[in-house]
Amino acid sequence: MVVGAVCGGGAVDGGAVDGGACAVCGDATVLHVKVKSNGGIVVRGTSANVLVEGSRIAQSDVGIYVNYTTTRGGVVLRNNVEPDGVPPNFNPYANTE
C-alpha cells in the first residue's frame, strides 16, 4: 500500500500506514508522515526543492532513501526518525555483488 506519491509541486502533511511507502519526485514537501511497519520514504527522479521533515518510520528494514537518479538537488531531510540499525540513505535494492 502506498501512503502517497508526491510529484510536481505536491505536498503530503500527515498520514499513517501499516506497510507501504511515500514516493517523491519533482518539487515536493513531505511532512509528518508515519510509516508504522514495512515501508519507507524514497526521493527519486528529477527531484528538486524537496523537504522531508518530521516523519517517523518504525519496524522496517528501510528508512528514507534519496536515489542517485535525483538529478536536480535541493533535497533537505530534517528531524526524521528512522528504524534502529538502518544505515543512512540505505538502498534495499542495491546490487551488493
N, C-alpha and C. Protein backbone atom coordinates (compact mmCIF):
# COMPACT_ATOMS: atom_id res chain seq x y z
N MET A 1 0.84 -1.17 0.00
CA MET A 1 0.00 0.00 0.00
C MET A 1 0.89 1.24 0.00
N VAL A 2 0.60 2.19 -0.82
CA VAL A 2 1.38 3.43 -0.88
C VAL A 2 0.59 4.52 -0.18
N VAL A 3 1.22 5.16 0.80
CA VAL A 3 0.55 6.23 1.51
C VAL A 3 0.51 7.50 0.67
N GLY A 4 1.47 7.64 -0.23
CA GLY A 4 1.44 8.82 -1.08
C GLY A 4 2.51 8.80 -2.13
N ALA A 5 2.19 9.29 -3.30
CA ALA A 5 3.17 9.56 -4.33
C ALA A 5 3.05 11.04 -4.61
N VAL A 6 4.12 11.77 -4.32
CA VAL A 6 4.08 13.23 -4.40
C VAL A 6 4.93 13.65 -5.59
N CYS A 7 4.32 14.27 -6.58
CA CYS A 7 5.05 14.66 -7.79
C CYS A 7 4.63 16.06 -8.23
N GLY A 8 5.58 16.78 -8.83
CA GLY A 8 5.29 18.04 -9.49
C GLY A 8 4.64 19.11 -8.62
N GLY A 9 5.30 19.48 -7.54
CA GLY A 9 4.80 20.55 -6.70
C GLY A 9 3.78 20.12 -5.67
N GLY A 10 3.68 18.83 -5.41
CA GLY A 10 2.72 18.33 -4.44
C GLY A 10 3.23 18.37 -3.02
N ALA A 11 2.35 18.05 -2.08
CA ALA A 11 2.72 18.03 -0.67
C ALA A 11 1.90 16.98 0.06
N VAL A 12 2.51 16.37 1.06
CA VAL A 12 1.82 15.47 1.98
C VAL A 12 2.10 15.99 3.37
N ASP A 13 1.06 16.23 4.16
CA ASP A 13 1.23 16.65 5.54
C ASP A 13 0.40 15.70 6.39
N GLY A 14 1.09 14.81 7.07
CA GLY A 14 0.41 13.82 7.89
C GLY A 14 0.12 12.55 7.11
N GLY A 15 -0.54 11.64 7.75
CA GLY A 15 -0.86 10.35 7.15
C GLY A 15 -0.09 9.26 7.84
N ALA A 16 -0.71 8.11 7.99
CA ALA A 16 -0.08 6.96 8.62
C ALA A 16 -0.48 5.72 7.86
N VAL A 17 0.42 4.72 7.86
CA VAL A 17 0.14 3.49 7.13
C VAL A 17 0.89 2.34 7.78
N ASP A 18 0.30 1.15 7.75
CA ASP A 18 0.97 -0.09 8.13
C ASP A 18 1.42 -0.74 6.84
N GLY A 19 2.69 -0.64 6.51
CA GLY A 19 3.21 -1.18 5.27
C GLY A 19 2.99 -0.19 4.14
N GLY A 20 4.00 -0.01 3.33
CA GLY A 20 3.88 0.91 2.21
C GLY A 20 4.97 1.95 2.22
N ALA A 21 4.83 2.96 1.40
CA ALA A 21 5.89 3.95 1.26
C ALA A 21 5.31 5.25 0.77
N CYS A 22 6.15 6.26 0.83
CA CYS A 22 5.83 7.55 0.24
C CYS A 22 6.90 7.80 -0.82
N ALA A 23 6.52 7.89 -2.08
CA ALA A 23 7.46 8.11 -3.17
C ALA A 23 7.39 9.57 -3.58
N VAL A 24 8.56 10.20 -3.76
CA VAL A 24 8.63 11.62 -4.05
C VAL A 24 9.39 11.85 -5.35
N CYS A 25 8.84 12.67 -6.25
CA CYS A 25 9.56 13.10 -7.44
C CYS A 25 9.05 14.49 -7.81
N GLY A 26 9.93 15.32 -8.34
CA GLY A 26 9.57 16.71 -8.64
C GLY A 26 9.73 17.59 -7.42
N ASP A 27 9.21 18.80 -7.44
CA ASP A 27 9.22 19.69 -6.29
C ASP A 27 8.17 19.17 -5.31
N ALA A 28 8.57 18.91 -4.06
CA ALA A 28 7.62 18.30 -3.14
C ALA A 28 7.97 18.59 -1.69
N THR A 29 6.96 18.49 -0.84
CA THR A 29 7.13 18.60 0.60
C THR A 29 6.44 17.42 1.25
N VAL A 30 7.16 16.71 2.12
CA VAL A 30 6.61 15.58 2.86
C VAL A 30 6.80 15.88 4.34
N LEU A 31 5.71 16.09 5.05
CA LEU A 31 5.78 16.45 6.46
C LEU A 31 4.98 15.47 7.31
N HIS A 32 5.57 15.05 8.41
CA HIS A 32 4.86 14.30 9.45
C HIS A 32 4.19 13.01 8.97
N VAL A 33 4.81 12.31 8.05
CA VAL A 33 4.29 11.01 7.60
C VAL A 33 4.74 9.95 8.59
N LYS A 34 3.85 9.03 8.95
CA LYS A 34 4.18 7.94 9.87
C LYS A 34 4.01 6.62 9.15
N VAL A 35 5.10 5.88 9.00
CA VAL A 35 5.05 4.53 8.44
C VAL A 35 5.26 3.59 9.62
N LYS A 36 4.22 2.84 9.97
CA LYS A 36 4.25 2.02 11.18
C LYS A 36 5.06 0.74 11.01
N SER A 37 5.11 0.19 9.79
CA SER A 37 5.89 -1.02 9.57
C SER A 37 6.06 -1.27 8.07
N ASN A 38 7.16 -1.95 7.73
CA ASN A 38 7.40 -2.46 6.38
C ASN A 38 7.29 -1.42 5.27
N GLY A 39 7.93 -0.27 5.44
CA GLY A 39 7.90 0.73 4.39
C GLY A 39 8.87 1.86 4.68
N GLY A 40 8.91 2.85 3.81
CA GLY A 40 9.82 3.97 3.98
C GLY A 40 9.43 5.12 3.06
N ILE A 41 10.37 6.06 2.91
CA ILE A 41 10.19 7.21 2.04
C ILE A 41 11.32 7.21 1.02
N VAL A 42 11.00 7.35 -0.26
CA VAL A 42 12.02 7.38 -1.30
C VAL A 42 11.86 8.67 -2.11
N VAL A 43 13.01 9.33 -2.37
CA VAL A 43 13.05 10.51 -3.23
C VAL A 43 13.81 10.11 -4.48
N ARG A 44 13.21 10.31 -5.66
CA ARG A 44 13.85 9.85 -6.90
C ARG A 44 13.44 10.71 -8.08
N GLY A 45 14.04 10.42 -9.22
CA GLY A 45 13.69 11.10 -10.46
C GLY A 45 14.30 12.49 -10.54
N THR A 46 13.65 13.38 -11.25
CA THR A 46 14.16 14.74 -11.41
C THR A 46 13.63 15.62 -10.29
N SER A 47 14.00 15.26 -9.08
CA SER A 47 13.51 15.95 -7.89
C SER A 47 14.37 17.16 -7.57
N ALA A 48 13.72 18.23 -7.12
CA ALA A 48 14.40 19.43 -6.65
C ALA A 48 13.50 20.10 -5.62
N ASN A 49 14.12 20.88 -4.75
CA ASN A 49 13.34 21.61 -3.75
C ASN A 49 12.44 20.68 -2.95
N VAL A 50 13.03 19.61 -2.42
CA VAL A 50 12.28 18.62 -1.66
C VAL A 50 12.60 18.77 -0.18
N LEU A 51 11.56 18.77 0.65
CA LEU A 51 11.71 18.80 2.10
C LEU A 51 10.99 17.60 2.67
N VAL A 52 11.72 16.77 3.43
CA VAL A 52 11.13 15.66 4.18
C VAL A 52 11.43 15.97 5.64
N GLU A 53 10.39 16.29 6.41
CA GLU A 53 10.61 16.75 7.78
C GLU A 53 9.59 16.14 8.73
N GLY A 54 10.08 15.77 9.92
CA GLY A 54 9.21 15.31 10.99
C GLY A 54 8.51 14.00 10.72
N SER A 55 9.06 13.18 9.85
CA SER A 55 8.43 11.89 9.53
C SER A 55 9.03 10.80 10.41
N ARG A 56 8.24 9.76 10.68
CA ARG A 56 8.66 8.67 11.55
C ARG A 56 8.44 7.34 10.83
N ILE A 57 9.48 6.51 10.82
CA ILE A 57 9.40 5.19 10.22
C ILE A 57 9.78 4.19 11.29
N ALA A 58 8.97 3.16 11.49
CA ALA A 58 9.21 2.18 12.54
C ALA A 58 9.08 0.76 11.98
N GLN A 59 9.69 -0.20 12.65
CA GLN A 59 9.57 -1.62 12.32
C GLN A 59 9.73 -1.88 10.83
N SER A 60 10.83 -1.40 10.25
CA SER A 60 11.07 -1.56 8.83
C SER A 60 12.55 -1.80 8.58
N ASP A 61 12.87 -2.40 7.45
CA ASP A 61 14.26 -2.60 7.04
C ASP A 61 14.80 -1.43 6.24
N VAL A 62 13.96 -0.46 5.94
CA VAL A 62 14.36 0.73 5.19
C VAL A 62 13.90 1.98 5.94
N GLY A 63 14.48 3.11 5.56
CA GLY A 63 14.09 4.39 6.16
C GLY A 63 13.79 5.38 5.06
N ILE A 64 14.59 6.44 5.01
CA ILE A 64 14.45 7.46 3.97
C ILE A 64 15.61 7.28 3.00
N TYR A 65 15.30 7.14 1.72
CA TYR A 65 16.32 6.89 0.71
C TYR A 65 16.22 7.93 -0.39
N VAL A 66 17.33 8.62 -0.67
CA VAL A 66 17.41 9.55 -1.79
C VAL A 66 18.17 8.84 -2.90
N ASN A 67 17.47 8.51 -4.00
CA ASN A 67 18.03 7.75 -5.10
C ASN A 67 19.05 8.61 -5.86
N TYR A 68 20.10 7.98 -6.32
CA TYR A 68 21.14 8.70 -7.07
C TYR A 68 20.67 9.20 -8.43
N THR A 69 19.48 8.81 -8.87
CA THR A 69 18.93 9.35 -10.11
C THR A 69 18.32 10.74 -9.88
N THR A 70 18.29 11.18 -8.63
CA THR A 70 17.78 12.52 -8.32
C THR A 70 18.76 13.53 -8.89
N THR A 71 18.36 14.21 -9.94
CA THR A 71 19.32 14.97 -10.74
C THR A 71 19.35 16.46 -10.46
N ARG A 72 18.36 17.00 -9.81
CA ARG A 72 18.31 18.45 -9.66
C ARG A 72 18.81 18.95 -8.31
N GLY A 73 18.74 18.16 -7.28
CA GLY A 73 19.26 18.57 -5.98
C GLY A 73 18.28 19.38 -5.16
N GLY A 74 18.81 19.96 -4.09
CA GLY A 74 17.95 20.72 -3.20
C GLY A 74 17.06 19.84 -2.36
N VAL A 75 17.60 18.71 -1.87
CA VAL A 75 16.83 17.78 -1.04
C VAL A 75 17.25 17.99 0.41
N VAL A 76 16.28 18.29 1.28
CA VAL A 76 16.54 18.52 2.69
C VAL A 76 15.78 17.49 3.51
N LEU A 77 16.50 16.76 4.37
CA LEU A 77 15.91 15.80 5.29
C LEU A 77 16.15 16.36 6.69
N ARG A 78 15.06 16.58 7.47
CA ARG A 78 15.23 17.23 8.77
C ARG A 78 14.28 16.64 9.82
N ASN A 79 14.84 16.36 10.99
CA ASN A 79 14.07 15.91 12.16
C ASN A 79 13.20 14.69 11.87
N ASN A 80 13.76 13.71 11.16
CA ASN A 80 13.05 12.48 10.87
C ASN A 80 13.55 11.38 11.80
N VAL A 81 12.73 10.36 12.03
CA VAL A 81 13.11 9.22 12.85
C VAL A 81 13.05 7.98 11.97
N GLU A 82 14.20 7.28 11.89
CA GLU A 82 14.27 6.05 11.09
C GLU A 82 14.49 4.87 12.03
N PRO A 83 14.21 3.65 11.57
CA PRO A 83 14.37 2.48 12.43
C PRO A 83 15.82 2.29 12.89
N ASP A 84 15.99 1.75 14.09
CA ASP A 84 17.32 1.40 14.59
C ASP A 84 17.97 0.38 13.67
N GLY A 85 19.25 0.54 13.42
CA GLY A 85 20.00 -0.43 12.64
C GLY A 85 19.93 -0.23 11.13
N VAL A 86 19.19 0.74 10.66
CA VAL A 86 19.13 1.02 9.23
C VAL A 86 20.15 2.11 8.92
N PRO A 87 21.13 1.82 8.04
CA PRO A 87 22.14 2.83 7.72
C PRO A 87 21.53 4.04 7.02
N PRO A 88 22.17 5.22 7.14
CA PRO A 88 21.65 6.39 6.44
C PRO A 88 21.62 6.17 4.93
N ASN A 89 20.58 6.63 4.29
CA ASN A 89 20.39 6.53 2.84
C ASN A 89 20.55 5.10 2.33
N PHE A 90 20.00 4.15 3.07
CA PHE A 90 20.10 2.73 2.73
C PHE A 90 19.22 2.40 1.54
N ASN A 91 19.80 1.75 0.52
CA ASN A 91 19.06 1.32 -0.66
C ASN A 91 18.86 -0.19 -0.59
N PRO A 92 17.65 -0.65 -0.34
CA PRO A 92 17.44 -2.09 -0.24
C PRO A 92 17.54 -2.81 -1.57
N TYR A 93 17.59 -2.07 -2.67
CA TYR A 93 17.64 -2.70 -3.99
C TYR A 93 19.03 -2.64 -4.61
N ALA A 94 20.02 -2.15 -3.89
CA ALA A 94 21.38 -2.04 -4.42
C ALA A 94 21.97 -3.41 -4.69
N ASN A 95 22.70 -3.51 -5.79
CA ASN A 95 23.40 -4.76 -6.11
C ASN A 95 24.67 -4.80 -5.26
N THR A 96 24.75 -5.73 -4.34
CA THR A 96 25.89 -5.82 -3.43
C THR A 96 26.97 -6.77 -3.92
N GLU A 97 26.80 -7.34 -5.08
CA GLU A 97 27.80 -8.29 -5.59
C GLU A 97 28.87 -7.58 -6.37
